[in-house]
Amino acid sequence: MNLPTHLFVDGAFRASATGRRVTLINPATEEAFAEVASAEVADVQAAVESAQRAWEGGWRDLAPGKREAVLHAVARQLREHQEEIAQLERLQIGKPISDARDEAGLGARCFEYYAGAVTKFGGQTLPVARGGFDFTLRQPMGVVACIVPWNFPFPIACWKAAPALAAGNCVVLKPASLSPLTALKLGELACAAGLPPGVLQVLPGRGGAIGDALVTHPLVRKVSFTGSTDIGRRIMELAARDLKRVSLELGGKSPNIVFADADWQRAADTSPMSVFANTGQDCCARSRVFVERAIFEPFVERFVAATRKLVVGDPADDQTQLGPLVSAEQRASVEAFLADARGRGSRFVCGGGRPQPRGFYLEPTVLLDVGADDRCWREEIFGPVVAIVPFDDEAAMLRAVNASPYGLSGSLWTNNLSRALRVSRAVQSGVLSVNSHSSVHVEAPFGGFKQSGLGRDLGMAALEGFTELKNVYVAE
């Protein structure tokens, strides 16, 4: 497999300004398999200036139909190289290959959706009191920085880049240092599809210095970031200096609420993958499960049985459902949470150990008797750990659900329509699924309340977030 290991700037691969490189480790084998160029501040400067030239040189003024055609061509390239993209994802972060294929397809669907949206997104004509003609325009911002995480590297890169490009912006894409390969492949394939040089730049490397340089660069007008709440807070502080637009999709501690009137058997069978998928490395993971007491014991029994059936193993195997954690550091972080839970007397009814000596693996872990002040209950673990608690009173349960500083996603299980509507309104989260665990739809807005961020990815809301709204009044 030909690995993309250089920066992608001005439509071509190039070395970094200093020649510095970062070693990539396969999390399933713990072996180094590639060295990738690491961008420095000088590379940020070159990439942003190139993007600004491309924006002023024609991309912002390209006819919508032509922009649509280019994005459809990008989607076709992604479809044609779907297996290659999936294998790169498997290799760099230990993503089970079946999931990696789905996510490669999701990236292509993003470009298809926003290609179609180009000619369907615009302003309004408005009747104003004094007469005349008033209308609004949606105009591109210019150069935008898209900073993506390592847990879903390819789809998130696409769901940021595609609407930004569709709106007429140029993009500087910063992948996480652990997972740069699929972002670099995206840049290469987009250019091969006819995206003009400079419209999409990709800068791999360590986040600190180049992240700050991107956020503070005077030509960058918007920063779209997915990652930790702490880094999101830092980006917001830096962006405030010249009032850059920001959208932030940050941490989560999502609830899964199961009422006794629900099809709780189906909820118990499906809920393990709502938290353990991607080995729990998901900001939408339903890691706090609230179960009405009347069904608590049989629900837990069935949930644990379903968890024990999950296949943990080689990401290259089509049957694998859970791969390794992304790094030794991430596994150590999760194990620190488990040690704290043991010290506080939580009951481990499933998992808690390493299933094999090689690779950054952890067993999916189910905890009971977890206190409201325990770390495993309050903090985002980003690993395969879930806590299940009973509840008796709806109002008290909702207070506990909303006591979290996060508000990203969640699930609600009930067959009572009135209750579904009432509880959906009451849960403080940006995304909620009733009788399912589906958080992400290309066509619908995705984002959080409170410390889970601000702004929205996906849907037409993403296009709004990558444009400025201008009002024009023409007097009679």
Protein backbone atom coordinates (compact mmCIF):
# COMPACT_ATOMS: atom_id res chain seq x y z
CA MET A 1 0.00 0.00 0.00
CA ASN A 2 1.31 3.43 -0.98
CA LEU A 3 1.22 5.56 2.18
CA PRO A 4 0.85 9.36 1.86
CA THR A 5 3.53 10.67 4.20
CA HIS A 6 4.14 14.31 3.20
CA LEU A 7 2.30 17.59 3.62
CA PHE A 8 -0.26 18.30 0.89
CA VAL A 9 0.08 21.95 -0.17
CA ASP A 10 -0.76 23.67 -3.45
CA GLY A 11 -1.97 20.44 -5.02
CA ALA A 12 1.19 18.43 -4.37
CA PHE A 13 2.98 16.47 -1.67
CA ARG A 14 6.00 18.18 -0.15
CA ALA A 15 8.35 17.85 2.81
CA SER A 16 7.92 20.04 5.86
CA ALA A 17 10.02 23.17 6.28
CA THR A 18 12.28 21.49 8.85
CA GLY A 19 12.14 17.92 7.56
CA ARG A 20 10.83 16.75 10.92
CA ARG A 21 8.73 13.56 10.90
CA VAL A 22 6.38 11.75 13.28
CA THR A 23 6.38 7.96 13.69
CA LEU A 24 3.04 6.17 13.40
CA ILE A 25 2.34 3.09 15.53
CA ASN A 26 -0.12 0.35 14.59
CA PRO A 27 -2.23 0.02 17.77
CA ALA A 28 -3.07 -3.63 17.05
CA THR A 29 0.59 -4.71 16.92
CA GLU A 30 2.40 -1.89 18.77
CA GLU A 31 4.81 -1.71 15.83
CA ALA A 32 5.96 1.38 13.93
CA PHE A 33 4.87 1.31 10.30
CA ALA A 34 5.43 4.80 8.86
CA GLU A 35 7.00 8.21 9.38
CA VAL A 36 4.93 11.20 8.34
CA ALA A 37 6.11 14.76 7.75
CA SER A 38 5.33 17.11 10.63
CA ALA A 39 4.28 20.62 9.66
CA GLU A 40 5.84 23.62 11.37
CA VAL A 41 4.81 27.28 11.67
CA ALA A 42 6.47 28.12 8.34
CA ASP A 43 4.36 25.44 6.65
CA VAL A 44 1.20 26.91 8.16
CA GLN A 45 2.13 30.30 6.74
CA ALA A 46 2.74 28.84 3.27
CA ALA A 47 -0.46 26.77 3.29
CA VAL A 48 -2.70 29.62 4.44
CA GLU A 49 -1.25 32.07 1.94
CA SER A 50 -1.69 29.51 -0.84
CA ALA A 51 -5.30 28.94 0.23
CA GLN A 52 -5.96 32.70 0.23
CA ARG A 53 -4.57 33.00 -3.31
CA ALA A 54 -6.75 30.10 -4.47
CA TRP A 55 -9.81 31.71 -2.88
CA GLU A 56 -9.20 35.11 -4.43
CA GLY A 57 -8.07 33.52 -7.69
CA GLY A 58 -11.40 31.97 -8.56
CA TRP A 59 -12.80 29.42 -6.12
CA ARG A 60 -15.03 31.95 -4.31
CA ASP A 61 -16.44 33.16 -7.64
CA LEU A 62 -16.78 29.80 -9.36
CA ALA A 63 -20.32 29.30 -10.67
CA PRO A 64 -22.35 27.09 -8.32
CA GLY A 65 -22.93 24.48 -11.01
CA LYS A 66 -19.19 24.13 -11.60
CA ARG A 67 -18.50 23.87 -7.86
CA GLU A 68 -21.18 21.19 -7.64
CA ALA A 69 -19.55 19.22 -10.46
CA VAL A 70 -16.13 19.31 -8.78
CA LEU A 71 -17.52 18.05 -5.47
CA HIS A 72 -19.39 15.24 -7.20
CA ALA A 73 -16.11 14.29 -8.88
CA VAL A 74 -14.42 14.22 -5.46
CA ALA A 75 -17.16 11.91 -4.17
CA ARG A 76 -16.60 9.56 -7.12
CA GLN A 77 -12.87 9.42 -6.37
CA LEU A 78 -13.64 8.56 -2.75
CA ARG A 79 -16.00 5.79 -3.83
CA GLU A 80 -13.41 4.36 -6.18
CA HIS A 81 -10.75 4.35 -3.44
CA GLN A 82 -13.03 3.33 -0.58
CA GLU A 83 -11.12 0.14 0.26
CA GLU A 84 -7.76 1.91 0.26
CA ILE A 85 -9.13 4.59 2.60
CA ALA A 86 -10.57 1.92 4.90
CA GLN A 87 -7.28 0.03 5.08
CA LEU A 88 -5.39 3.22 5.95
CA GLU A 89 -7.88 3.89 8.75
CA ARG A 90 -7.50 0.34 10.07
CA LEU A 91 -3.74 0.63 10.03
CA GLN A 92 -3.36 4.00 11.75
CA ILE A 93 -5.96 3.78 14.53
CA GLY A 94 -6.93 0.11 14.79
CA LYS A 95 -10.43 0.68 13.38
CA PRO A 96 -12.23 -2.63 12.67
CA ILE A 97 -12.21 -2.98 8.91
CA SER A 98 -15.99 -3.31 8.61
CA ASP A 99 -16.42 0.00 10.44
CA ALA A 100 -13.62 1.60 8.42
CA ARG A 101 -15.39 0.69 5.18
CA ASP A 102 -18.63 2.20 6.44
CA GLU A 103 -16.85 5.39 7.44
CA ALA A 104 -15.09 5.67 4.09
CA GLY A 105 -18.51 5.46 2.49
CA LEU A 106 -19.83 8.10 4.89
CA GLY A 107 -17.09 10.47 3.76
CA ALA A 108 -18.14 10.02 0.14
CA ARG A 109 -21.79 10.61 1.08
CA CYS A 110 -20.81 13.91 2.69
CA PHE A 111 -19.34 15.15 -0.57
CA GLU A 112 -22.37 13.90 -2.50
CA TYR A 113 -24.76 15.66 -0.13
CA TYR A 114 -22.96 19.00 -0.18
CA ALA A 115 -22.40 18.82 -3.94
CA GLY A 116 -26.17 18.61 -4.27
CA ALA A 117 -26.67 21.38 -1.71
CA VAL A 118 -24.55 23.95 -3.59
CA THR A 119 -27.42 24.97 -5.87
CA LYS A 120 -30.08 24.71 -3.18
CA PHE A 121 -28.61 26.96 -0.51
CA GLY A 122 -29.06 30.69 -0.62
CA GLY A 123 -30.61 33.77 0.89
CA GLN A 124 -34.10 35.20 1.17
CA THR A 125 -36.17 38.06 -0.15
CA LEU A 126 -37.70 40.01 2.73
CA PRO A 127 -40.65 42.41 2.83
CA VAL A 128 -39.57 45.50 4.81
CA ALA A 129 -41.80 48.19 6.28
CA ARG A 130 -40.49 51.09 4.21
CA GLY A 131 -40.90 49.32 0.88
CA GLY A 132 -38.14 48.78 -1.64
CA PHE A 133 -36.44 45.44 -2.18
CA ASP A 134 -34.53 43.64 0.57
CA PHE A 135 -32.64 40.41 0.13
CA THR A 136 -29.98 38.37 1.89
CA LEU A 137 -26.86 36.65 0.56
CA ARG A 138 -24.86 33.77 1.96
CA GLN A 139 -21.22 34.51 1.17
CA PRO A 140 -18.07 32.46 1.80
CA MET A 141 -15.74 33.53 4.58
CA GLY A 142 -12.39 32.88 2.92
CA VAL A 143 -9.80 30.53 4.41
CA VAL A 144 -11.12 28.21 7.09
CA ALA A 145 -9.14 25.90 9.36
CA CYS A 146 -10.66 22.47 9.97
CA ILE A 147 -9.06 20.59 12.87
CA VAL A 148 -10.15 16.97 13.19
CA PRO A 149 -9.66 14.27 15.85
CA TRP A 150 -8.16 10.79 15.70
CA ASN A 151 -11.23 8.72 16.61
CA PHE A 152 -13.18 9.21 13.33
CA PRO A 153 -10.48 10.84 11.20
CA PHE A 154 -11.84 10.38 7.70
CA PRO A 155 -15.58 11.02 8.07
CA ILE A 156 -15.06 14.08 10.27
CA ALA A 157 -12.50 15.48 7.81
CA CYS A 158 -15.12 15.09 5.08
CA TRP A 159 -18.03 16.50 7.04
CA LYS A 160 -15.98 19.63 7.73
CA ALA A 161 -14.24 20.05 4.37
CA ALA A 162 -17.22 19.28 2.14
CA PRO A 163 -19.61 22.00 3.38
CA ALA A 164 -16.77 24.51 3.68
CA LEU A 165 -15.80 23.93 0.06
CA ALA A 166 -19.42 23.84 -1.09
CA ALA A 167 -19.94 27.28 0.44
CA GLY A 168 -17.00 28.66 -1.57
CA ASN A 169 -14.27 28.67 1.10
CA CYS A 170 -10.75 27.27 0.90
CA VAL A 171 -9.72 24.80 3.59
CA VAL A 172 -6.58 24.13 5.58
CA LEU A 173 -7.18 20.70 7.10
CA LYS A 174 -5.25 19.71 10.23
CA PRO A 175 -5.57 15.98 11.06
CA ALA A 176 -4.57 14.58 14.44
CA SER A 177 -0.93 13.52 14.69
CA LEU A 178 -2.00 9.90 15.34
CA SER A 179 -4.17 9.67 12.22
CA PRO A 180 -2.98 11.81 9.28
CA LEU A 181 -3.07 9.25 6.46
CA THR A 182 -6.70 9.40 5.37
CA ALA A 183 -6.76 13.20 5.46
CA LEU A 184 -3.71 13.25 3.21
CA LYS A 185 -5.39 10.75 0.91
CA LEU A 186 -8.46 13.02 0.82
CA GLY A 187 -6.30 15.92 -0.32
CA GLU A 188 -4.66 13.81 -3.03
CA LEU A 189 -7.95 12.39 -4.34
CA ALA A 190 -9.72 15.75 -4.27
CA CYS A 191 -6.97 17.28 -6.40
CA ALA A 192 -7.12 14.31 -8.79
CA ALA A 193 -10.87 14.93 -9.09
CA GLY A 194 -10.30 18.49 -10.29
CA LEU A 195 -10.28 20.56 -7.11
CA PRO A 196 -7.92 23.45 -7.95
CA PRO A 197 -4.52 23.52 -6.20
CA GLY A 198 -4.60 25.41 -2.93
CA VAL A 199 -8.33 24.99 -2.32
CA LEU A 200 -7.72 22.08 0.09
CA GLN A 201 -4.43 21.90 1.99
CA VAL A 202 -3.55 19.15 4.49
CA LEU A 203 -1.03 19.75 7.29
CA PRO A 204 -0.15 16.71 9.41
CA GLY A 205 1.87 17.19 12.56
CA ARG A 206 1.71 17.79 16.27
CA GLY A 207 -1.12 20.07 17.30
CA GLY A 208 0.36 22.54 19.78
CA ALA A 209 2.44 24.99 17.79
CA ILE A 210 0.79 24.61 14.39
CA GLY A 211 -2.69 24.54 15.89
CA ASP A 212 -2.09 27.87 17.57
CA ALA A 213 -0.54 29.25 14.38
CA LEU A 214 -3.60 28.25 12.37
CA VAL A 215 -6.08 29.65 14.85
CA THR A 216 -4.27 32.98 15.17
CA HIS A 217 -3.34 33.47 11.49
CA PRO A 218 -4.91 36.74 10.30
CA LEU A 219 -6.08 35.22 7.01
CA VAL A 220 -8.00 32.39 8.70
CA ARG A 221 -11.58 33.57 9.16
CA LYS A 222 -13.21 30.46 10.66
CA VAL A 223 -12.01 27.56 12.82
CA SER A 224 -14.02 24.35 12.90
CA PHE A 225 -12.71 22.00 15.59
CA THR A 226 -13.67 18.57 16.90
CA GLY A 227 -11.81 17.32 19.94
CA SER A 228 -11.47 17.73 23.68
CA THR A 229 -13.22 20.42 25.67
CA ASP A 230 -9.92 21.70 27.05
CA ILE A 231 -8.46 22.29 23.59
CA GLY A 232 -11.76 23.73 22.39
CA ARG A 233 -11.61 26.25 25.22
CA ARG A 234 -8.06 27.17 24.17
CA ILE A 235 -9.15 27.65 20.54
CA MET A 236 -12.03 29.87 21.60
CA GLU A 237 -9.68 32.05 23.66
CA LEU A 238 -7.21 32.42 20.79
CA ALA A 239 -9.92 33.06 18.21
CA ALA A 240 -11.43 35.79 20.36
CA ARG A 241 -8.42 38.03 19.70
CA ASP A 242 -9.71 38.99 16.27
CA LEU A 243 -13.26 37.62 16.59
CA LYS A 244 -12.80 34.65 14.29
CA ARG A 245 -15.86 32.51 13.78
CA VAL A 246 -15.62 29.18 15.58
CA SER A 247 -17.57 25.94 15.73
CA LEU A 248 -16.59 23.45 18.40
CA GLU A 249 -17.72 19.85 18.80
CA LEU A 250 -16.23 18.74 22.09
CA GLY A 251 -16.59 16.16 24.85
CA GLY A 252 -19.59 14.17 25.95
CA LYS A 253 -20.94 11.99 28.73
CA SER A 254 -24.10 10.86 27.03
CA PRO A 255 -27.05 9.19 28.77
CA ASN A 256 -29.01 6.12 27.72
CA ILE A 257 -32.43 6.19 29.41
CA VAL A 258 -34.55 3.02 29.47
CA PHE A 259 -38.13 3.05 30.79
CA ALA A 260 -39.95 -0.12 31.80
CA ASP A 261 -42.62 0.38 29.11
CA ALA A 262 -39.98 0.21 26.35
CA ASP A 263 -38.88 -2.77 24.31
CA TRP A 264 -36.15 -3.06 26.93
CA GLN A 265 -34.93 -6.40 25.58
CA ARG A 266 -34.00 -4.73 22.29
CA ALA A 267 -32.50 -1.84 24.22
CA ALA A 268 -30.35 -4.24 26.25
CA ASP A 269 -29.24 -6.14 23.15
CA THR A 270 -28.26 -3.02 21.19
CA SER A 271 -26.99 -0.71 23.93
CA PRO A 272 -23.55 -2.28 24.35
CA MET A 273 -22.47 -1.07 20.92
CA SER A 274 -23.81 2.41 21.73
CA VAL A 275 -20.92 2.76 24.15
CA PHE A 276 -18.35 0.14 23.11
CA ALA A 277 -18.28 0.80 19.36
CA ASN A 278 -14.92 2.23 18.31
CA THR A 279 -13.71 0.77 21.62
CA GLY A 280 -15.57 3.53 23.45
CA GLN A 281 -13.51 6.26 21.78
CA ASP A 282 -16.56 8.28 20.82
CA CYS A 283 -17.85 11.55 22.23
CA CYS A 284 -21.40 10.24 21.67
CA ALA A 285 -20.80 7.04 23.68
CA ARG A 286 -23.80 6.32 25.92
CA SER A 287 -21.60 5.70 28.95
CA ARG A 288 -24.24 6.52 31.59
CA VAL A 289 -27.19 4.11 31.47
CA PHE A 290 -30.32 4.93 33.50
CA VAL A 291 -32.72 1.98 33.81
CA GLU A 292 -36.13 2.08 35.50
CA ARG A 293 -35.87 -0.09 38.61
CA ALA A 294 -38.70 -2.49 37.66
CA ILE A 295 -36.54 -3.87 34.82
CA PHE A 296 -33.07 -3.07 36.19
CA GLU A 297 -31.86 -6.58 37.05
CA PRO A 298 -33.05 -8.36 33.89
CA PHE A 299 -31.80 -5.45 31.77
CA VAL A 300 -28.32 -5.65 33.32
CA GLU A 301 -28.24 -9.41 32.87
CA ARG A 302 -29.15 -9.13 29.21
CA PHE A 303 -26.81 -6.16 28.62
CA VAL A 304 -23.88 -8.12 30.10
CA ALA A 305 -24.73 -11.19 28.04
CA ALA A 306 -24.71 -9.08 24.87
CA THR A 307 -21.41 -7.48 25.90
CA ARG A 308 -19.75 -10.85 26.40
CA LYS A 309 -20.66 -11.81 22.82
CA LEU A 310 -18.79 -8.84 21.30
CA VAL A 311 -15.80 -9.86 19.21
CA VAL A 312 -12.59 -8.13 20.31
CA GLY A 313 -9.70 -8.81 17.98
CA ASP A 314 -7.65 -8.09 14.88
CA PRO A 315 -8.99 -5.00 13.07
CA ALA A 316 -8.21 -6.69 9.74
CA ASP A 317 -10.75 -9.46 10.48
CA ASP A 318 -14.23 -8.80 9.08
CA GLN A 319 -15.77 -10.38 12.20
CA THR A 320 -14.05 -8.02 14.65
CA GLN A 321 -16.38 -5.54 16.37
CA LEU A 322 -13.93 -3.94 18.81
CA GLY A 323 -10.30 -3.21 18.03
CA PRO A 324 -7.57 -1.79 20.26
CA LEU A 325 -7.44 1.62 21.83
CA VAL A 326 -5.53 4.11 19.71
CA SER A 327 -2.35 4.27 21.80
CA ALA A 328 -0.60 3.08 24.93
CA GLU A 329 -1.30 6.49 26.50
CA GLN A 330 -5.03 6.21 25.82
CA ARG A 331 -5.17 2.73 27.34
CA ALA A 332 -3.28 3.94 30.40
CA SER A 333 -5.77 6.78 30.78
CA VAL A 334 -8.73 4.38 30.70
CA GLU A 335 -7.04 1.99 33.12
CA ALA A 336 -6.58 4.88 35.56
CA PHE A 337 -10.37 5.34 35.52
CA LEU A 338 -10.82 1.62 36.21
CA ALA A 339 -8.37 1.73 39.11
CA ASP A 340 -10.30 4.64 40.59
CA ALA A 341 -13.57 2.69 40.20
CA ARG A 342 -12.08 -0.31 42.02
CA GLY A 343 -10.83 1.92 44.80
CA ARG A 344 -14.30 3.43 45.25
CA GLY A 345 -16.03 0.06 45.45
CA SER A 346 -17.74 -0.09 42.07
CA ARG A 347 -18.81 -3.58 41.04
CA PHE A 348 -17.21 -4.96 37.87
CA VAL A 349 -19.76 -7.34 36.34
CA CYS A 350 -17.92 -7.66 33.04
CA GLY A 351 -14.44 -6.85 31.71
CA GLY A 352 -11.82 -4.65 33.29
CA GLY A 353 -8.71 -6.36 32.00
CA ARG A 354 -6.49 -6.76 28.95
CA PRO A 355 -7.71 -9.60 26.71
CA GLN A 356 -4.33 -10.23 25.10
CA PRO A 357 -0.70 -9.29 25.70
CA ARG A 358 -0.07 -7.56 22.39
CA GLY A 359 -1.83 -4.47 21.10
CA PHE A 360 -3.52 -1.69 23.07
CA TYR A 361 -6.60 -3.76 23.87
CA LEU A 362 -9.02 -3.54 26.79
CA GLU A 363 -12.07 -5.65 27.53
CA PRO A 364 -15.44 -3.90 27.40
CA THR A 365 -16.27 -3.14 31.02
CA VAL A 366 -19.64 -2.88 32.78
CA LEU A 367 -19.79 -1.15 36.18
CA LEU A 368 -22.54 -1.15 38.80
CA ASP A 369 -22.76 0.64 42.16
CA VAL A 370 -21.10 3.75 40.79
CA GLY A 371 -21.53 6.94 42.84
CA ALA A 372 -22.59 10.29 41.43
CA ASP A 373 -19.23 11.79 42.46
CA ASP A 374 -17.09 9.00 40.99
CA ARG A 375 -14.80 9.84 38.07
CA CYS A 376 -16.28 7.06 35.93
CA TRP A 377 -19.68 8.66 36.28
CA ARG A 378 -18.72 12.33 35.91
CA GLU A 379 -15.85 12.41 33.40
CA GLU A 380 -15.50 11.41 29.78
CA ILE A 381 -13.46 8.19 29.77
CA PHE A 382 -13.06 7.72 26.00
CA GLY A 383 -12.71 3.99 26.41
CA PRO A 384 -14.85 0.82 26.65
CA VAL A 385 -16.44 1.50 30.04
CA VAL A 386 -20.12 1.90 30.95
CA ALA A 387 -21.90 2.51 34.26
CA ILE A 388 -25.51 1.37 34.76
CA VAL A 389 -27.74 2.74 37.53
CA PRO A 390 -31.43 2.26 38.43
CA PHE A 391 -33.99 5.06 38.78
CA ASP A 392 -37.45 5.29 40.33
CA ASP A 393 -38.59 8.83 39.59
CA GLU A 394 -38.53 10.52 36.19
CA ALA A 395 -37.90 14.01 37.54
CA ALA A 396 -35.02 12.90 39.76
CA MET A 397 -33.53 10.91 36.88
CA LEU A 398 -33.64 13.94 34.60
CA ARG A 399 -31.88 16.06 37.21
CA ALA A 400 -29.10 13.44 37.30
CA VAL A 401 -28.94 13.27 33.50
CA ASN A 402 -28.61 17.04 33.21
CA ALA A 403 -26.15 17.41 36.10
CA SER A 404 -23.32 16.71 33.63
CA PRO A 405 -21.40 19.69 32.22
CA TYR A 406 -21.75 17.97 28.82
CA GLY A 407 -24.74 17.76 26.51
CA LEU A 408 -23.86 16.14 23.20
CA SER A 409 -25.96 13.06 22.53
CA GLY A 410 -28.10 10.37 24.12
CA SER A 411 -30.80 7.74 23.75
CA LEU A 412 -34.29 7.37 25.17
CA TRP A 413 -36.25 4.13 25.20
CA THR A 414 -40.02 4.24 25.75
CA ASN A 415 -43.18 3.26 23.91
CA ASN A 416 -45.16 6.10 25.53
CA LEU A 417 -45.35 8.93 22.99
CA SER A 418 -46.14 11.61 25.55
CA ARG A 419 -43.19 10.55 27.67
CA ALA A 420 -40.91 10.44 24.62
CA LEU A 421 -41.77 14.03 23.73
CA ARG A 422 -41.61 15.27 27.32
CA VAL A 423 -38.27 13.67 28.13
CA SER A 424 -36.77 14.61 24.74
CA ARG A 425 -37.47 18.25 25.52
CA ALA A 426 -36.08 17.92 29.04
CA VAL A 427 -32.75 16.23 28.25
CA GLN A 428 -30.10 18.92 27.70
CA SER A 429 -28.30 17.60 24.63
CA GLY A 430 -27.89 18.62 21.02
CA VAL A 431 -28.73 15.18 19.62
CA LEU A 432 -31.17 12.62 21.01
CA SER A 433 -32.40 9.30 19.59
CA VAL A 434 -35.69 7.71 20.62
CA ASN A 435 -35.72 3.90 20.56
CA SER A 436 -32.37 3.87 18.76
CA HIS A 437 -28.73 4.89 19.20
CA SER A 438 -28.22 6.80 15.97
CA SER A 439 -26.41 10.12 16.47
CA VAL A 440 -25.03 11.03 13.06
CA HIS A 441 -27.04 11.72 9.91
CA VAL A 442 -25.43 13.58 7.00
CA GLU A 443 -28.70 15.42 6.42
CA ALA A 444 -29.26 16.57 10.04
CA PRO A 445 -27.39 18.99 12.33
CA PHE A 446 -24.91 17.51 14.81
CA GLY A 447 -23.48 19.28 17.83
CA GLY A 448 -23.86 19.85 21.54
CA PHE A 449 -25.12 21.94 24.42
CA LYS A 450 -23.06 23.32 27.32
CA GLN A 451 -19.41 22.19 27.35
CA SER A 452 -20.03 19.83 24.44
CA GLY A 453 -19.50 22.80 22.15
CA LEU A 454 -21.20 25.34 19.94
CA GLY A 455 -22.22 25.49 16.31
CA ARG A 456 -23.28 22.50 14.23
CA ASP A 457 -21.71 20.09 11.75
CA LEU A 458 -23.70 18.29 9.03
CA GLY A 459 -27.01 19.13 7.41
CA MET A 460 -27.71 22.53 5.93
CA ALA A 461 -26.72 24.02 9.29
CA ALA A 462 -23.08 23.32 8.43
CA LEU A 463 -23.35 25.43 5.29
CA GLU A 464 -24.78 28.27 7.36
CA GLY A 465 -21.80 27.95 9.69
CA PHE A 466 -19.33 28.34 6.82
CA THR A 467 -20.91 31.50 5.40
CA GLU A 468 -21.48 35.11 6.38
CA LEU A 469 -25.04 36.45 6.12
CA LYS A 470 -25.24 39.74 4.23
CA ASN A 471 -28.36 41.89 3.96
CA VAL A 472 -28.86 44.16 0.92
CA TYR A 473 -31.56 46.84 0.70
CA VAL A 474 -32.46 48.49 -2.61
CA ALA A 475 -34.55 51.64 -2.30
CA GLU A 476 -37.43 52.24 -4.71
